[in-house]
Structure formats: structure tokens, C-alpha cells
Protein backbone atom coordinates (compact mmCIF):
# COMPACT_ATOMS: atom_id res chain seq x y z
CA MET A 1 94.99 133.75 75.56
CA SER A 2 91.37 132.76 75.25
CA GLY A 3 89.36 134.11 72.38
CA PRO A 4 86.89 136.94 72.76
CA GLY A 5 83.90 134.63 72.56
CA ARG A 6 84.64 132.22 75.40
CA PRO A 7 85.97 132.30 78.98
CA GLN A 8 89.56 131.33 79.69
CA ARG A 9 90.05 127.71 80.79
CA PHE A 10 92.88 125.56 82.08
CA LEU A 11 93.46 123.98 78.69
CA ASP A 12 94.16 127.39 77.16
CA ILE A 13 97.35 127.73 79.19
CA ASP A 14 100.66 126.31 78.01
CA VAL A 15 101.82 124.14 80.88
CA ASN A 16 105.35 124.16 79.46
CA ALA A 17 105.71 127.94 79.34
CA GLY A 18 107.87 128.17 82.47
CA PHE A 19 107.63 128.66 86.18
CA ASP A 20 106.08 132.07 85.75
CA ARG A 21 103.36 130.39 83.67
CA LYS A 22 102.76 127.88 86.45
CA VAL A 23 102.41 130.71 88.92
CA ARG A 24 100.14 132.47 86.46
CA PHE A 25 98.06 129.33 86.05
CA SER A 26 97.50 129.19 89.80
CA VAL A 27 96.64 132.87 89.82
CA VAL A 28 94.09 132.46 87.03
CA VAL A 29 92.43 129.55 88.80
CA LEU A 30 92.24 131.26 92.17
CA ARG A 31 91.03 134.59 90.82
CA LYS A 32 88.27 133.02 88.78
CA SER A 33 87.04 130.69 91.48
CA ILE A 34 87.18 132.76 94.62
CA SER A 35 85.68 135.99 93.34
CA PRO A 36 82.45 136.59 91.41
CA LEU A 37 84.27 136.84 88.10
CA ARG A 38 82.51 136.85 84.75
CA SER A 39 83.79 136.35 81.26
CA ARG A 40 84.54 139.50 79.30
CA SER A 41 82.44 138.08 76.52
CA MET A 42 79.43 138.38 78.80
CA GLY A 43 80.05 142.07 79.32
CA HIS A 44 81.12 141.82 82.96
CA HIS A 45 84.39 142.23 84.80
CA ARG A 46 85.65 141.85 88.35
CA ASP A 47 86.64 144.91 90.33
CA VAL A 48 90.28 145.15 91.33
CA LEU A 49 91.97 147.48 93.78
CA ASP A 50 93.21 150.87 92.71
CA ASP A 51 96.98 151.25 92.44
CA ARG A 52 97.39 152.94 95.82
CA SER A 53 95.40 150.30 97.72
CA ALA A 54 97.08 147.44 95.84
CA THR A 55 100.52 148.83 96.70
CA SER A 56 99.49 149.16 100.34
CA LEU A 57 98.33 145.53 100.40
CA PHE A 58 101.55 144.37 98.76
CA ARG A 59 103.67 146.13 101.38
CA LEU A 60 101.67 144.53 104.15
CA CYS A 61 102.09 141.11 102.51
CA VAL A 62 105.86 141.56 102.36
CA GLY A 63 105.79 141.53 106.14
CA ILE A 64 103.72 138.37 106.50
CA TYR A 65 105.75 136.44 103.92
CA PHE A 66 109.02 137.43 105.59
CA ILE A 67 107.81 136.73 109.15
CA GLY A 68 106.35 133.39 108.04
CA GLY A 69 109.66 132.23 106.60
CA PHE A 70 111.65 133.57 109.55
CA THR A 71 109.38 131.82 112.07
CA ASN A 72 109.50 128.46 110.26
CA ALA A 73 113.30 128.44 110.16
CA LEU A 74 113.62 129.68 113.75
CA VAL A 75 111.45 126.83 115.04
CA GLY A 76 113.86 124.35 113.44
CA LEU A 77 116.64 125.58 115.78
CA LEU A 78 114.63 124.53 118.82
CA VAL A 79 115.33 120.87 118.10
CA PRO A 80 119.13 120.97 118.64
CA ARG A 81 118.61 123.36 121.60
CA LEU A 82 116.29 120.97 123.40
CA ARG A 83 118.58 118.03 122.69
CA LEU A 84 121.59 119.91 124.09
CA LEU A 85 119.92 121.21 127.26
CA LEU A 86 117.39 118.51 128.12
CA GLY A 87 119.20 115.49 126.72
CA LEU A 88 116.11 114.53 124.72
CA SER A 89 116.06 111.69 122.25
CA HIS A 90 115.57 112.48 118.57
CA THR A 91 111.99 111.28 118.88
CA HIS A 92 111.10 113.68 121.68
CA ALA A 93 113.06 116.61 120.24
CA LEU A 94 111.43 116.26 116.84
CA MET A 95 108.01 116.47 118.45
CA VAL A 96 108.69 120.20 118.04
CA GLN A 97 108.00 119.81 114.33
CA LEU A 98 105.10 117.45 115.05
CA ALA A 99 103.41 120.12 117.19
CA PHE A 100 104.18 122.90 114.71
CA HIS A 101 103.18 121.29 111.41
CA SER A 102 100.22 119.27 112.63
CA SER A 103 98.23 122.51 112.72
CA TYR A 104 97.90 122.42 108.94
CA LEU A 105 95.81 119.27 109.25
CA LEU A 106 93.98 120.20 112.45
CA PHE A 107 93.06 123.77 111.65
CA ALA A 108 92.98 124.17 107.86
CA LEU A 109 89.26 123.49 107.48
CA PRO A 110 88.02 125.71 110.36
CA ILE A 111 90.46 128.46 109.37
CA THR A 112 89.17 128.37 105.79
CA ALA A 113 85.62 128.70 107.16
CA ILE A 114 86.70 131.71 109.25
CA LEU A 115 88.33 133.36 106.25
CA VAL A 116 85.21 132.86 104.15
CA ARG A 117 83.10 134.46 106.88
CA ALA A 118 85.43 137.23 108.09
CA GLY A 119 87.38 138.07 104.94
CA TYR A 120 91.09 138.07 104.18
CA MET A 121 92.28 141.15 106.10
CA ARG A 122 90.54 140.28 109.37
CA GLY A 123 91.59 136.64 109.00
CA ILE A 124 95.25 137.56 108.51
CA ALA A 125 95.06 139.97 111.47
CA ALA A 126 93.65 137.15 113.62
CA GLY A 127 96.48 134.85 112.55
CA LEU A 128 99.13 137.46 113.30
CA SER A 129 97.59 138.12 116.72
CA LEU A 130 97.76 134.41 117.54
CA MET A 131 101.39 134.33 116.42
CA ALA A 132 102.30 137.35 118.57
CA ALA A 133 100.68 135.94 121.73
CA SER A 134 102.09 132.44 121.24
CA GLY A 135 105.52 133.89 120.39
CA LEU A 136 105.68 135.47 123.86
CA ALA A 137 104.53 132.20 125.41
CA LEU A 138 107.21 130.36 123.43
CA ALA A 139 109.84 132.80 124.67
CA VAL A 140 108.91 132.02 128.28
CA ALA A 141 108.74 128.25 127.71
CA THR A 142 112.08 128.26 125.86
CA SER A 143 113.93 130.27 128.49
CA THR A 144 112.55 128.12 131.33
CA LEU A 145 113.01 124.87 129.37
CA HIS A 146 109.39 123.87 129.92
CA TYR A 147 109.07 121.12 127.31
CA ALA A 148 105.27 120.75 127.40
CA GLY A 149 104.93 124.54 127.31
CA VAL A 150 107.11 124.70 124.21
CA LEU A 151 104.91 122.16 122.40
CA LEU A 152 101.68 123.90 123.38
CA ALA A 153 102.97 127.33 122.35
CA LEU A 154 104.14 125.89 119.03
CA LEU A 155 100.71 124.44 118.32
CA VAL A 156 99.07 127.84 118.85
CA LEU A 157 101.82 129.60 116.89
CA ALA A 158 101.32 127.24 113.99
CA SER A 159 97.56 127.85 113.96
CA GLY A 160 98.37 131.51 113.33
CA VAL A 161 100.82 130.56 110.59
CA THR A 162 98.06 128.49 108.97
CA PHE A 163 95.96 131.66 108.61
CA LEU A 164 98.86 133.24 106.74
CA GLN A 165 99.48 130.13 104.65
CA ILE A 166 95.91 129.92 103.38
CA ALA A 167 94.99 133.62 103.11
CA GLY A 168 98.42 135.01 102.25
CA ASN A 169 98.87 132.66 99.29
CA ILE A 170 95.73 133.86 97.54
CA VAL A 171 94.94 137.42 98.66
CA VAL A 172 97.26 139.17 96.17
CA PRO A 173 96.21 137.23 93.05
CA VAL A 174 92.56 137.67 94.03
CA VAL A 175 92.71 141.47 94.06
CA GLU A 176 95.42 142.28 91.51
CA PRO A 177 95.28 142.44 87.70
CA MET A 178 97.16 139.56 86.10
CA ALA A 179 100.08 141.58 84.75
CA ARG A 180 100.89 142.91 88.22
CA ALA A 181 99.95 139.90 90.35
CA VAL A 182 102.50 137.48 88.88
CA PRO A 183 105.68 139.52 89.47
CA ARG A 184 104.46 140.60 92.89
CA MET A 185 103.77 137.01 93.97
CA THR A 186 107.26 136.01 92.79
CA MET A 187 108.77 138.86 94.80
CA LEU A 188 106.78 137.88 97.90
CA GLN A 189 108.17 134.34 97.69
CA GLY A 190 111.62 135.90 97.63
CA PHE A 191 110.93 137.71 100.92
CA ASN A 192 109.74 134.40 102.41
CA SER A 193 113.03 132.78 101.43
CA LEU A 194 114.94 135.76 102.83
CA GLY A 195 113.30 135.09 106.19
CA THR A 196 114.38 131.44 106.15
CA VAL A 197 117.96 132.49 105.34
CA LEU A 198 118.26 135.15 108.05
CA ALA A 199 116.64 133.14 110.87
CA PRO A 200 119.52 130.63 111.27
CA LEU A 201 122.11 133.40 111.02
CA VAL A 202 120.44 135.43 113.77
CA GLY A 203 118.80 132.71 115.84
CA ALA A 204 121.78 130.38 116.17
CA ARG A 205 123.67 132.84 118.38
CA PHE A 206 120.74 133.18 120.74
CA LEU A 207 119.37 129.65 120.83
CA LEU A 208 122.46 127.49 120.38
CA GLN A 209 125.21 129.57 121.98
CA SER A 210 123.22 129.82 125.21
CA ALA A 211 122.63 126.08 124.98
CA SER A 212 126.33 125.26 124.75
CA THR A 213 127.66 127.80 127.28
CA SER A 214 126.65 129.23 130.61
CA THR A 215 124.91 132.21 128.98
CA SER A 216 121.61 133.17 130.64
CA SER A 217 118.60 131.31 129.33
CA LEU A 218 116.86 134.67 128.95
CA TRP A 219 119.16 135.22 125.98
CA ALA A 220 117.32 132.42 124.17
CA ALA A 221 113.98 134.20 124.57
CA LEU A 222 115.07 137.29 122.61
CA PRO A 223 114.47 135.94 119.06
CA PHE A 224 110.91 134.98 119.94
CA VAL A 225 110.24 138.26 121.75
CA GLY A 226 111.51 140.16 118.71
CA THR A 227 109.44 138.05 116.34
CA ALA A 228 106.33 138.45 118.52
CA THR A 229 106.82 142.23 118.57
CA ALA A 230 107.17 142.44 114.80
CA THR A 231 104.11 140.21 114.34
CA ALA A 232 102.05 142.36 116.71
CA VAL A 233 102.96 145.46 114.71
CA LEU A 234 101.86 143.68 111.53
CA ALA A 235 98.59 142.62 113.17
CA ILE A 236 97.86 146.23 114.12
CA ALA A 237 98.63 147.29 110.55
CA PHE A 238 96.19 144.75 109.11
CA ILE A 239 93.51 145.63 111.65
CA SER A 240 93.85 149.32 110.83
CA ARG A 241 93.41 148.49 107.13
CA ARG A 242 90.73 145.86 107.63
CA ASN A 243 88.38 147.52 105.13
CA LEU A 244 91.01 147.72 102.40
CA LEU A 245 89.34 144.91 100.41
CA ARG A 246 85.73 145.98 100.98
CA SER A 247 85.17 146.55 97.24
CA ILE A 248 86.40 143.04 96.42
CA GLY A 249 84.02 141.04 98.58
CA ARG A 250 84.56 137.77 100.43
CA PRO A 251 85.28 134.29 99.05
CA ARG A 252 82.32 132.06 98.28
CA ARG A 253 81.34 129.04 100.33
CA ALA A 254 81.30 125.46 99.05
CA SER A 255 78.70 122.83 99.81
CA ALA A 256 79.46 119.50 101.48
CA ALA A 257 78.80 117.76 98.16
CA ARG A 258 81.39 119.95 96.44
CA LEU A 259 83.97 119.19 99.12
CA SER A 260 83.30 115.47 98.64
CA ASP A 261 83.95 115.82 94.90
CA ILE A 262 87.22 117.60 95.57
CA LEU A 263 88.44 114.90 97.95
CA SER A 264 87.75 112.19 95.37
CA ASN A 265 89.90 113.79 92.64
CA ARG A 266 92.79 111.40 91.92
CA ARG A 267 95.15 114.07 90.62
CA LEU A 268 94.62 116.14 93.76
CA LEU A 269 95.15 113.14 96.01
CA ALA A 270 98.37 112.21 94.21
CA GLY A 271 99.57 115.81 94.45
CA SER A 272 98.71 115.88 98.15
CA ALA A 273 100.90 112.82 98.69
CA ALA A 274 103.73 114.57 96.84
CA ILE A 275 103.31 117.76 98.90
CA PHE A 276 103.24 115.65 102.08
CA CYS A 277 106.54 114.01 101.15
CA TYR A 278 108.18 117.22 99.91
CA VAL A 279 107.45 119.24 103.05
CA GLY A 280 108.32 116.27 105.25
CA ALA A 281 111.70 115.78 103.60
CA GLU A 282 112.55 119.50 103.50
CA VAL A 283 111.69 120.10 107.17
CA THR A 284 113.44 116.91 108.32
CA ILE A 285 116.71 117.76 106.58
CA GLY A 286 116.59 121.42 107.61
CA THR A 287 116.01 120.41 111.23
CA LEU A 288 118.64 117.65 111.47
CA LEU A 289 121.32 119.53 109.52
CA VAL A 290 122.69 121.21 112.66
CA GLU A 291 123.37 117.91 114.39
CA TYR A 292 124.60 116.30 111.17
CA LEU A 293 127.21 119.04 110.64
CA THR A 294 128.43 118.69 114.25
CA LEU A 295 129.17 114.96 113.82
CA PRO A 296 132.91 114.15 114.14
CA THR A 297 132.70 112.18 110.90
CA VAL A 298 131.32 115.18 108.99
CA LEU A 299 132.56 118.69 109.91
CA ALA A 300 132.74 118.55 113.73
CA LEU A 301 131.42 122.12 113.99
CA SER A 302 130.14 123.80 117.12
CA PRO A 303 126.34 124.06 117.37
CA VAL A 304 126.46 127.81 116.64
CA GLU A 305 128.65 127.36 113.55
CA ALA A 306 126.46 124.52 112.29
CA GLY A 307 123.29 126.51 112.92
CA GLN A 308 124.59 129.43 110.89
CA LEU A 309 125.73 127.14 108.10
CA VAL A 310 122.17 125.85 107.77
CA SER A 311 121.32 129.22 106.22
CA LEU A 312 123.07 127.90 103.08
CA TYR A 313 120.42 125.18 102.85
CA TRP A 314 117.65 127.77 102.78
CA ALA A 315 119.67 130.12 100.58
CA GLY A 316 119.89 127.31 98.04
CA ALA A 317 116.10 127.25 97.91
CA MET A 318 115.99 131.02 97.39
CA ILE A 319 118.56 130.96 94.58
CA GLY A 320 116.99 127.88 93.04
CA ARG A 321 113.68 129.68 92.58
CA PHE A 322 115.26 132.15 90.21
CA VAL A 323 117.33 129.49 88.43
CA GLY A 324 114.32 127.21 88.17
CA ALA A 325 112.24 129.99 86.66
CA ARG A 326 114.73 130.19 83.80
CA LEU A 327 115.02 126.43 83.38
CA LEU A 328 111.25 126.01 83.12
CA VAL A 329 110.91 128.29 80.11
CA GLY A 330 109.91 126.07 77.20
CA ARG A 331 110.31 122.89 79.23
CA SER A 332 107.91 120.45 80.85
CA PRO A 333 107.43 121.30 84.55
CA ALA A 334 106.81 117.62 85.31
CA ARG A 335 110.12 116.72 83.71
CA LEU A 336 112.02 119.34 85.71
CA LEU A 337 110.29 118.17 88.89
CA LEU A 338 111.37 114.62 88.15
CA ALA A 339 114.98 115.75 87.62
CA ALA A 340 115.01 117.84 90.81
CA ALA A 341 113.56 115.01 92.90
CA ALA A 342 116.05 112.51 91.43
CA ALA A 343 118.94 114.87 92.19
CA ALA A 344 117.69 115.37 95.76
CA THR A 345 117.46 111.60 96.26
CA LEU A 346 121.00 111.13 95.01
CA LEU A 347 122.38 113.93 97.21
CA VAL A 348 120.76 112.54 100.36
CA LEU A 349 122.15 109.08 99.57
CA VAL A 350 125.61 110.64 99.13
CA SER A 351 125.30 112.34 102.54
CA VAL A 352 124.45 108.96 104.08
CA ALA A 353 127.38 107.15 102.47
CA ALA A 354 130.05 109.88 102.48
CA THR A 355 131.92 111.59 105.31
CA GLY A 356 133.59 114.96 105.76
CA PRO A 357 132.91 117.95 103.50
CA VAL A 358 131.48 115.76 100.73
CA GLY A 359 128.58 114.62 102.91
CA ALA A 360 128.01 118.14 104.25
CA ILE A 361 127.98 119.75 100.81
CA ALA A 362 125.66 117.06 99.45
CA LEU A 363 123.06 117.55 102.20
CA LEU A 364 123.24 121.36 102.03
CA ALA A 365 122.78 121.20 98.25
CA VAL A 366 119.42 119.48 98.67
CA GLY A 367 117.99 122.94 99.39
CA LEU A 368 118.72 123.91 95.79
CA CYS A 369 116.75 120.91 94.54
CA ASN A 370 113.80 121.80 96.79
CA ALA A 371 113.46 125.27 95.31
CA THR A 372 110.71 124.81 92.71
CA MET A 373 109.10 121.62 94.03
CA TYR A 374 106.22 123.17 95.98
CA PRO A 375 104.87 125.53 93.29
CA VAL A 376 105.26 122.94 90.52
CA ILE A 377 103.60 120.14 92.53
CA PHE A 378 100.85 122.56 93.55
CA ALA A 379 100.10 123.58 89.97
CA LEU A 380 100.26 120.01 88.63
CA SER A 381 97.83 118.85 91.32
CA LEU A 382 94.91 121.24 90.80
CA PRO A 383 91.76 119.80 89.18
CA ASP A 384 90.58 121.12 85.81
CA ASP A 385 87.38 122.48 87.39
CA MET A 386 88.39 126.02 88.36
CA SER A 387 85.47 126.46 90.76
CA THR A 388 87.04 123.94 93.16
CA ALA A 389 90.45 125.63 93.28
CA PRO A 390 90.20 127.39 96.70
CA TYR A 391 89.19 124.20 98.46
CA ALA A 392 91.66 122.13 96.46
CA SER A 393 94.27 124.61 97.69
CA MET A 394 93.06 123.95 101.25
CA VAL A 395 93.53 120.20 100.76
CA LEU A 396 97.08 120.75 99.48
CA CYS A 397 97.81 122.99 102.47
CA MET A 398 96.59 120.24 104.78
CA ALA A 399 99.16 117.93 103.19
CA VAL A 400 101.84 120.16 104.76
CA VAL A 401 101.27 117.97 107.83
CA GLY A 402 104.05 115.90 106.29
CA GLY A 403 106.33 118.39 108.04
CA ALA A 404 105.02 116.96 111.32
CA ILE A 405 104.97 113.24 110.59
CA VAL A 406 108.12 112.65 108.52
CA PRO A 407 110.50 114.40 110.98
CA PHE A 408 108.93 112.52 113.90
CA ALA A 409 109.29 109.18 112.09
CA THR A 410 112.88 110.08 111.19
CA GLY A 411 113.55 110.84 114.86
CA VAL A 412 112.31 107.39 115.81
CA ALA A 413 114.60 105.88 113.17
CA ALA A 414 117.55 108.00 114.38
CA ASP A 415 117.14 106.73 117.94
CA ALA A 416 117.01 103.14 116.69
CA PHE A 417 119.68 103.16 113.95
CA GLY A 418 121.61 106.43 114.21
CA LEU A 419 121.25 109.90 112.71
CA THR A 420 122.94 109.27 109.36
CA PRO A 421 121.03 106.07 108.41
CA SER A 422 117.75 107.76 109.38
CA LEU A 423 118.20 110.16 106.45
CA LEU A 424 117.13 107.31 104.19
CA LEU A 425 113.54 108.13 105.19
CA PRO A 426 113.53 111.65 103.67
CA ALA A 427 115.35 110.15 100.68
CA SER A 428 112.40 107.80 100.17
CA CYS A 429 110.07 110.83 100.23
CA TYR A 430 111.80 112.19 97.15
CA VAL A 431 111.18 108.83 95.44
CA VAL A 432 107.43 109.43 95.89
CA ILE A 433 107.84 112.83 94.21
CA ILE A 434 109.71 111.15 91.35
CA LEU A 435 106.78 108.79 90.88
CA PHE A 436 104.27 111.67 90.90
CA ALA A 437 106.31 113.65 88.35
CA TRP A 438 106.64 110.58 86.11
CA LEU A 439 102.88 109.96 86.19
CA ARG A 440 102.06 113.61 85.44
CA GLN A 441 104.61 113.68 82.63
CA ARG A 442 102.87 110.71 81.00
CA THR A 443 99.36 112.16 81.34
CA MET A 444 100.11 115.81 80.55
CA PRO A 445 100.37 116.84 76.87
CA LEU A 446 103.57 118.54 75.81
CA HIS A 447 101.67 121.51 74.41
CA VAL A 448 98.10 122.31 75.43
CA GLY A 449 96.35 125.25 73.80
CA ASN A 450 98.00 128.58 73.21
CA PRO A 451 100.28 130.34 75.65
CA ALA A 452 98.48 132.97 77.64
């Protein structure tokens, strides 16, 4: 904790104090840079929400974190559905992820500008409204097997998700006191993981059973209609509480010169490359797992059974967050990231070389290795200058476009060399993360300052 005579800085936080410290580090940076915060030593403080309003905001955020995770995992099931019904190549089927994740690159900057101008609550409501409308459009396109319509609806859907990704990640730490923000952010991440676990269990019966039998195609529209309905209800809730954060104020704008400085930061650029590779590998494996598990040389499951088994991949990520939080206590986050990335690389290589249950278990277990990668990479990538944190966060969010490019490139490789050999591409992504973790481990002191 910083002394009474000076403001708290990055170097006053023990980077080895565990995952909760890394989350706390991000919270400190975002709170101090987005809001007009002053040092206590200067006799000023930042207003926070009262308990009742903060609890109301938290409950609303539970909905957006859950629906965001559910939507992401549900979209992944469209790839095997389109391959089964339209006979698409891997390249064309994986354009689903290209359309969905490219929004992070295309829309991150304008969406950040909208959030700065309109505020968090109105921005989140706008994103949810986009998701609800595009969800209905996706339901129609999916049931009628209109391929171009599916891609267009996904692009609009993903623009709404980008609102949630940028605003939802920072709104709670901005308005909450530190002691309450950290556990609530951890719990919100748990609801996001819960959504990714439930989506394959629920969605596989609707999307993949109707693809493998004569069941009406309208059956496939139900998950998206249900998701659109839930999102519309959330949008109405946010609109009705649009003035909840009036006492907090809006985020501050950054000049073009400041943005140029952010983009030239080497640590941020290296972290962006790691985020790009992490999201790309995670989405690729999660998307291709259904087809991999149906291979005669692996488990020879039906599409529905394989789709439901994919929930174990996402459940591994959920469990791994809690396990990783314990493992990070008193240990270097860069070292744990290196170990997780190395384990993920090894498991993917095993799934390429092995057959039967061994290959299936190895690829499903990669989800466990993915668990803490995003928050650790994110925290290790932020510049020391806290005033640049919101826009540095935007740059890191833009790197999520890896979820568009890596799956598409893997699809091209799968069409040329086969599904199993194409998994070497996501394996190489984890090698990039290993390199990033190794470099950060060398440049980051073992103990910096006093634990907060």
C-alpha cells in the first residue's frame, strides 16, 4: 500500500501476490485513469456508488457476463451445423468465427468513442439492443440456411458483444471501492464461464440434432430466439437504469498524440500479440472439437454427443480460474503463464499424434490450461503510465481479432492437410505465448514494492 504522502503507482504492487493481485492491479489502473481520481494526500477522493446502487449494477452485470459467454460458445456450434447441412469446407465454415471476431478490430475504436460520449449504461444498452436484433436475424438465417445472412447477422451480433467486452470489463471497478470490486469481478468472470459451459449442453440438441436428423429447421432457431429475448430484457433493464452512474461521470477522452504513444509501447504490442494468439487458439480448438470428437480414429461420437462433450473444454477453463488463483499466490504470474502455455502446447501435440480417448482427453484438457491466460497476459501487458490504461485496454481488446484469423487459417490448413494436422497451427500460437511469458519473466522483478 502506498504511503500517505504519495499516490499509489504500479511499482507499489507486488506482481507475485497472486491472481487476485493481478485483477486488483488492473482495477487500480482502470479506476485511476478513467475517472477524475485524486490522491488522498491531496485531500480529494473519487465518489463511488452507494451500496444499493452498486448492488443493482452488479446484478445487471451478472446478466451481461453470462449472456456474453453463452453467446460466444453458441456461435461455435454453428460451424459443425453448417458443415453438416451445407457441405461446406472447413475454410468456409470457419468464416463464422471470422465474421464474429473481426468486430473487435473493426469496431473497438468507434465503440470506445461512443462509450466516452454516451457513458457506460447507455453504451451497454446499445450493445445489448444490437445483440437482440441480430440474434433474431441469426435465428432466421440459421433456420433457412442462408449462409451470407448468417455471416452478416454474426458481424452485427459481434459489434454488440464488443460494447459489452469494452464497457463490461471496466464498469464495476470504476464505480466500486477496491475491497468490493475485486471479489465481484472474480464472481462475474465465473458467470461468464458458466455461460460457456451451458451453451454447448443446451445448444447442441437444437443446432446439431436438427442437422443430423429430419427435425424441422425451426428447431435450430430456438436457442437464438431465446438468447435474443433474454438480451432484450437486459437492454430494457439497462435503459431503465441509464442514470445509475450519473454521480460517477463519464470516461475522459485521449488525444491523437496520446493514442500514438500507446501504440508505440513495446510491452503492449508484445502483449497484444500474445492475446491474439491466445484467443485464436482457444476459439479454434473450441470450434473444431465437435468434429474432432466425431472422427472414427478418436471417439466416433454423434454430433450431438460431441457438442455436449465440448462443455468439458469450457468447464476446464472455469475450474482452472479458481485453481489458478491459488497457484498464483506467492508465485510469478509470468512463470505460471509460461507453464500453462507449455502444457497447452504439449496437450495439442498429443491430440495430433494420439488416437482414441487419449487424444480426446488431451484436447479437452487444453481448456484447463487456458483458464488464467487472458487475465495474466492482460495485466503483464499494460504500460506503467496509468493514464493510458483505458486505451491500452482497447488495444488489447482489438487483439481478440485473433479469434477471427487463426480459426480461418486453421480451416484452410484443414482443407489442405486434414483436420488433425491443422491443429499444429493453434499449437504454434501457444509457443508465442511461451515466448511472451519468458520475456516478461526476465524483465519483471521477483518482488516490486510492497504488497497492496
